[in-house]
Amino acid sequence: MTEYNPYYYKDYGKGEGNEYVDFLALTLKPFIDKNFRTLKDSAHTFVAGSSMGALISLYAVVKYPNVFGGAGIFSPAFDTAPKIYDEIVAAKWGNGFRRFYFYAGGEESETMVNDMDKMIAAIEKKGQYETHRVVSPIGKHNEAAWSREFGHFYTFIIR
């Protein structure tokens, strides 16, 4: 709960997500680009996660838009980090095109779909960003649901 949260959360204390995203952008990605044949620009670099991983993936695009061009956001735990909405509104993404794939299950928390829709609306209001929204009425908050959706995300994000 703290490793992937960039903010303080009342139930768990200070988040360490900021440091995690710094590691992804400033250490891991440069290492991969140096040692493997990659398309290095943000238009070809994406991050994805589920639950808290979804939260930190979106935060990575906010903090490092020059590194990450989009995200797969599966069952995002936005309820643990309401400040992320303000970060999206304030984000300076310039003219670079961004892609976001959102997924939630209808059998998750009572606020999951509404929280996700609020985030989609905030991103779409910025313009020049493509979002894709999927809600599975029978989807639960688990790896089985997310793995069923991953191929659809991948097809969307790389086109």
C-alpha atoms as a PDB file:
ATOM      1  CA  MET A   1       0.000   0.000   0.000  1.00  0.00           C
ATOM      2  CA  THR A   2       2.887   2.398   0.540  1.00  0.00           C
ATOM      3  CA  GLU A   3       5.299   1.258  -2.192  1.00  0.00           C
ATOM      4  CA  TYR A   4       2.890   2.179  -4.985  1.00  0.00           C
ATOM      5  CA  ASN A   5       1.262   5.221  -3.416  1.00  0.00           C
ATOM      6  CA  PRO A   6       2.988   8.539  -4.124  1.00  0.00           C
ATOM      7  CA  TYR A   7       0.996  10.288  -1.384  1.00  0.00           C
ATOM      8  CA  TYR A   8       0.372  10.046   2.308  1.00  0.00           C
ATOM      9  CA  TYR A   9      -2.547   7.746   3.094  1.00  0.00           C
ATOM     10  CA  LYS A  10      -4.189   7.897   6.516  1.00  0.00           C
ATOM     11  CA  ASP A  11      -4.291   4.121   7.005  1.00  0.00           C
ATOM     12  CA  TYR A  12      -0.684   3.398   5.961  1.00  0.00           C
ATOM     13  CA  GLY A  13       1.335   6.596   6.280  1.00  0.00           C
ATOM     14  CA  LYS A  14       3.851   8.127   3.891  1.00  0.00           C
ATOM     15  CA  GLY A  15       3.811   6.697   0.402  1.00  0.00           C
ATOM     16  CA  GLU A  16       6.998   5.581  -1.377  1.00  0.00           C
ATOM     17  CA  GLY A  17       5.544   5.689  -4.888  1.00  0.00           C
ATOM     18  CA  ASN A  18       7.475   8.776  -5.890  1.00  0.00           C
ATOM     19  CA  GLU A  19      10.750   6.938  -5.343  1.00  0.00           C
ATOM     20  CA  TYR A  20       9.451   3.881  -7.196  1.00  0.00           C
ATOM     21  CA  VAL A  21       8.531   5.952 -10.259  1.00  0.00           C
ATOM     22  CA  ASP A  22      11.924   7.678 -10.135  1.00  0.00           C
ATOM     23  CA  PHE A  23      13.548   4.232 -10.235  1.00  0.00           C
ATOM     24  CA  LEU A  24      11.439   3.184 -13.250  1.00  0.00           C
ATOM     25  CA  ALA A  25      12.158   6.344 -15.243  1.00  0.00           C
ATOM     26  CA  LEU A  26      15.707   7.167 -14.201  1.00  0.00           C
ATOM     27  CA  THR A  27      17.301   3.751 -13.602  1.00  0.00           C
ATOM     28  CA  LEU A  28      15.342   0.842 -15.096  1.00  0.00           C
ATOM     29  CA  LYS A  29      14.258   2.385 -18.412  1.00  0.00           C
ATOM     30  CA  PRO A  30      17.747   3.766 -19.247  1.00  0.00           C
ATOM     31  CA  PHE A  31      19.252   0.358 -18.427  1.00  0.00           C
ATOM     32  CA  ILE A  32      16.778  -1.428 -20.722  1.00  0.00           C
ATOM     33  CA  ASP A  33      17.307   1.103 -23.519  1.00  0.00           C
ATOM     34  CA  LYS A  34      21.088   0.738 -23.236  1.00  0.00           C
ATOM     35  CA  ASN A  35      21.116  -3.062 -23.234  1.00  0.00           C
ATOM     36  CA  PHE A  36      18.255  -3.944 -25.580  1.00  0.00           C
ATOM     37  CA  ARG A  37      17.004  -2.803 -28.966  1.00  0.00           C
ATOM     38  CA  THR A  38      14.096  -0.568 -28.036  1.00  0.00           C
ATOM     39  CA  LEU A  39      12.126   2.325 -29.414  1.00  0.00           C
ATOM     40  CA  LYS A  40      13.167   4.774 -26.727  1.00  0.00           C
ATOM     41  CA  ASP A  41      10.663   7.620 -27.078  1.00  0.00           C
ATOM     42  CA  SER A  42       7.569   8.042 -24.923  1.00  0.00           C
ATOM     43  CA  ALA A  43       5.299   7.223 -27.864  1.00  0.00           C
ATOM     44  CA  HIS A  44       6.597   3.652 -27.597  1.00  0.00           C
ATOM     45  CA  THR A  45       6.952   3.355 -23.818  1.00  0.00           C
ATOM     46  CA  PHE A  46       4.041   2.332 -21.635  1.00  0.00           C
ATOM     47  CA  VAL A  47       3.445   1.216 -18.093  1.00  0.00           C
ATOM     48  CA  ALA A  48       0.597  -0.852 -16.690  1.00  0.00           C
ATOM     49  CA  GLY A  49      -0.646  -2.202 -13.408  1.00  0.00           C
ATOM     50  CA  SER A  50      -3.621  -3.280 -11.397  1.00  0.00           C
ATOM     51  CA  SER A  51      -5.073  -1.863  -8.194  1.00  0.00           C
ATOM     52  CA  MET A  52      -2.221   0.076  -6.544  1.00  0.00           C
ATOM     53  CA  GLY A  53      -0.144  -0.761  -9.630  1.00  0.00           C
ATOM     54  CA  ALA A  54      -2.739   1.065 -11.724  1.00  0.00           C
ATOM     55  CA  LEU A  55      -2.460   4.121  -9.501  1.00  0.00           C
ATOM     56  CA  ILE A  56       1.329   4.215  -9.735  1.00  0.00           C
ATOM     57  CA  SER A  57       1.237   3.600 -13.496  1.00  0.00           C
ATOM     58  CA  LEU A  58      -0.933   6.658 -14.034  1.00  0.00           C
ATOM     59  CA  TYR A  59       1.277   8.657 -11.686  1.00  0.00           C
ATOM     60  CA  ALA A  60       4.325   7.615 -13.750  1.00  0.00           C
ATOM     61  CA  VAL A  61       2.776   9.190 -16.861  1.00  0.00           C
ATOM     62  CA  VAL A  62       1.997  12.342 -14.868  1.00  0.00           C
ATOM     63  CA  LYS A  63       5.492  12.691 -13.415  1.00  0.00           C
ATOM     64  CA  TYR A  64       7.478  11.543 -16.455  1.00  0.00           C
ATOM     65  CA  PRO A  65       5.473  12.357 -19.601  1.00  0.00           C
ATOM     66  CA  ASN A  66       8.720  12.512 -21.559  1.00  0.00           C
ATOM     67  CA  VAL A  67       9.338   8.842 -20.646  1.00  0.00           C
ATOM     68  CA  PHE A  68       5.883   7.205 -20.560  1.00  0.00           C
ATOM     69  CA  GLY A  69       3.360   7.767 -23.337  1.00  0.00           C
ATOM     70  CA  GLY A  70       0.458   5.897 -21.829  1.00  0.00           C
ATOM     71  CA  ALA A  71      -0.756   3.396 -19.316  1.00  0.00           C
ATOM     72  CA  GLY A  72      -2.871   0.351 -18.700  1.00  0.00           C
ATOM     73  CA  ILE A  73      -4.978   1.078 -15.656  1.00  0.00           C
ATOM     74  CA  PHE A  74      -6.724  -2.018 -14.302  1.00  0.00           C
ATOM     75  CA  SER A  75      -9.057  -1.634 -11.297  1.00  0.00           C
ATOM     76  CA  PRO A  76      -7.335   1.531 -10.091  1.00  0.00           C
ATOM     77  CA  ALA A  77      -7.110   2.184  -6.362  1.00  0.00           C
ATOM     78  CA  PHE A  78      -7.848   5.893  -6.728  1.00  0.00           C
ATOM     79  CA  ASP A  79      -9.684   5.841  -3.391  1.00  0.00           C
ATOM     80  CA  THR A  80      -6.304   5.550  -1.649  1.00  0.00           C
ATOM     81  CA  ALA A  81      -4.944   8.628  -3.430  1.00  0.00           C
ATOM     82  CA  PRO A  82      -7.563  11.288  -4.176  1.00  0.00           C
ATOM     83  CA  LYS A  83      -4.764  13.773  -4.885  1.00  0.00           C
ATOM     84  CA  ILE A  84      -4.126  11.984  -8.211  1.00  0.00           C
ATOM     85  CA  TYR A  85      -7.128  13.800  -9.702  1.00  0.00           C
ATOM     86  CA  ASP A  86      -5.480  17.164  -8.982  1.00  0.00           C
ATOM     87  CA  GLU A  87      -2.235  15.879 -10.495  1.00  0.00           C
ATOM     88  CA  ILE A  88      -4.046  14.963 -13.712  1.00  0.00           C
ATOM     89  CA  VAL A  89      -5.682  18.377 -13.970  1.00  0.00           C
ATOM     90  CA  ALA A  90      -2.312  20.103 -13.399  1.00  0.00           C
ATOM     91  CA  ALA A  91      -0.266  17.770 -15.647  1.00  0.00           C
ATOM     92  CA  LYS A  92       1.670  19.510 -18.427  1.00  0.00           C
ATOM     93  CA  TRP A  93       1.736  16.930 -21.179  1.00  0.00           C
ATOM     94  CA  GLY A  94       2.176  19.343 -24.061  1.00  0.00           C
ATOM     95  CA  ASN A  95       1.195  18.178 -27.517  1.00  0.00           C
ATOM     96  CA  GLY A  96       2.412  14.624 -27.107  1.00  0.00           C
ATOM     97  CA  PHE A  97      -0.303  12.075 -27.737  1.00  0.00           C
ATOM     98  CA  ARG A  98      -1.171   9.835 -24.806  1.00  0.00           C
ATOM     99  CA  ARG A  99      -3.119   6.565 -24.609  1.00  0.00           C
ATOM    100  CA  PHE A 100      -4.887   5.210 -21.547  1.00  0.00           C
ATOM    101  CA  TYR A 101      -6.661   1.882 -21.214  1.00  0.00           C
ATOM    102  CA  PHE A 102      -9.024   1.670 -18.255  1.00  0.00           C
ATOM    103  CA  TYR A 103     -10.609  -1.484 -16.900  1.00  0.00           C
ATOM    104  CA  ALA A 104     -12.854  -2.124 -13.903  1.00  0.00           C
ATOM    105  CA  GLY A 105     -15.084  -4.941 -12.784  1.00  0.00           C
ATOM    106  CA  GLY A 106     -18.691  -4.466 -11.813  1.00  0.00           C
ATOM    107  CA  GLU A 107     -18.199  -6.672  -8.752  1.00  0.00           C
ATOM    108  CA  GLU A 108     -15.421  -4.601  -7.228  1.00  0.00           C
ATOM    109  CA  SER A 109     -15.879  -1.815  -4.679  1.00  0.00           C
ATOM    110  CA  GLU A 110     -18.959   0.395  -4.793  1.00  0.00           C
ATOM    111  CA  THR A 111     -16.879   3.364  -5.956  1.00  0.00           C
ATOM    112  CA  MET A 112     -14.528   1.651  -8.438  1.00  0.00           C
ATOM    113  CA  VAL A 113     -16.374   2.422 -11.679  1.00  0.00           C
ATOM    114  CA  ASN A 114     -17.354   5.951 -10.612  1.00  0.00           C
ATOM    115  CA  ASP A 115     -13.775   6.754  -9.556  1.00  0.00           C
ATOM    116  CA  MET A 116     -12.475   5.426 -12.853  1.00  0.00           C
ATOM    117  CA  ASP A 117     -15.039   7.397 -14.861  1.00  0.00           C
ATOM    118  CA  LYS A 118     -14.112  10.564 -12.973  1.00  0.00           C
ATOM    119  CA  MET A 119     -10.474  10.031 -13.979  1.00  0.00           C
ATOM    120  CA  ILE A 120     -11.352   9.322 -17.603  1.00  0.00           C
ATOM    121  CA  ALA A 121     -13.371  12.561 -17.737  1.00  0.00           C
ATOM    122  CA  ALA A 122     -10.448  14.530 -16.283  1.00  0.00           C
ATOM    123  CA  ILE A 123      -8.054  13.123 -18.887  1.00  0.00           C
ATOM    124  CA  GLU A 124     -10.440  13.596 -21.795  1.00  0.00           C
ATOM    125  CA  LYS A 125     -11.021  17.209 -20.762  1.00  0.00           C
ATOM    126  CA  LYS A 126      -7.325  17.858 -21.390  1.00  0.00           C
ATOM    127  CA  GLY A 127      -7.739  16.916 -25.066  1.00  0.00           C
ATOM    128  CA  GLN A 128      -5.394  15.052 -27.440  1.00  0.00           C
ATOM    129  CA  TYR A 129      -5.544  11.919 -25.336  1.00  0.00           C
ATOM    130  CA  GLU A 130      -7.115   8.633 -26.279  1.00  0.00           C
ATOM    131  CA  THR A 131      -8.885   6.654 -23.619  1.00  0.00           C
ATOM    132  CA  HIS A 132     -10.484   3.249 -23.789  1.00  0.00           C
ATOM    133  CA  ARG A 133     -12.949   2.194 -21.090  1.00  0.00           C
ATOM    134  CA  VAL A 134     -13.988  -1.356 -20.264  1.00  0.00           C
ATOM    135  CA  VAL A 135     -16.308  -2.404 -17.453  1.00  0.00           C
ATOM    136  CA  SER A 136     -16.982  -6.095 -17.046  1.00  0.00           C
ATOM    137  CA  PRO A 137     -20.268  -6.495 -15.147  1.00  0.00           C
ATOM    138  CA  ILE A 138     -19.054  -9.721 -13.531  1.00  0.00           C
ATOM    139  CA  GLY A 139     -15.403  -8.691 -13.096  1.00  0.00           C
ATOM    140  CA  LYS A 140     -13.838  -8.959  -9.670  1.00  0.00           C
ATOM    141  CA  HIS A 141     -10.736  -7.344  -8.166  1.00  0.00           C
ATOM    142  CA  ASN A 142      -8.305 -10.141  -8.989  1.00  0.00           C
ATOM    143  CA  GLU A 143      -5.553 -11.322 -11.304  1.00  0.00           C
ATOM    144  CA  ALA A 144      -7.873 -13.606 -13.264  1.00  0.00           C
ATOM    145  CA  ALA A 145      -9.986 -10.637 -14.386  1.00  0.00           C
ATOM    146  CA  TRP A 146      -6.952  -8.522 -15.208  1.00  0.00           C
ATOM    147  CA  SER A 147      -5.233 -11.274 -17.185  1.00  0.00           C
ATOM    148  CA  ARG A 148      -8.357 -11.760 -19.333  1.00  0.00           C
ATOM    149  CA  GLU A 149      -8.193  -8.068 -20.211  1.00  0.00           C
ATOM    150  CA  PHE A 150      -4.446  -7.722 -20.760  1.00  0.00           C
ATOM    151  CA  GLY A 151      -4.418  -8.803 -24.417  1.00  0.00           C
ATOM    152  CA  HIS A 152      -7.049  -6.197 -25.272  1.00  0.00           C
ATOM    153  CA  PHE A 153      -4.967  -3.547 -23.519  1.00  0.00           C
ATOM    154  CA  TYR A 154      -1.848  -4.587 -25.397  1.00  0.00           C
ATOM    155  CA  THR A 155      -3.578  -4.446 -28.773  1.00  0.00           C
ATOM    156  CA  PHE A 156      -4.951  -0.993 -27.981  1.00  0.00           C
ATOM    157  CA  ILE A 157      -1.734   0.479 -26.646  1.00  0.00           C
ATOM    158  CA  ILE A 158       0.646  -0.570 -29.434  1.00  0.00           C
ATOM    159  CA  ARG A 159      -1.415   0.402 -32.449  1.00  0.00           C
END
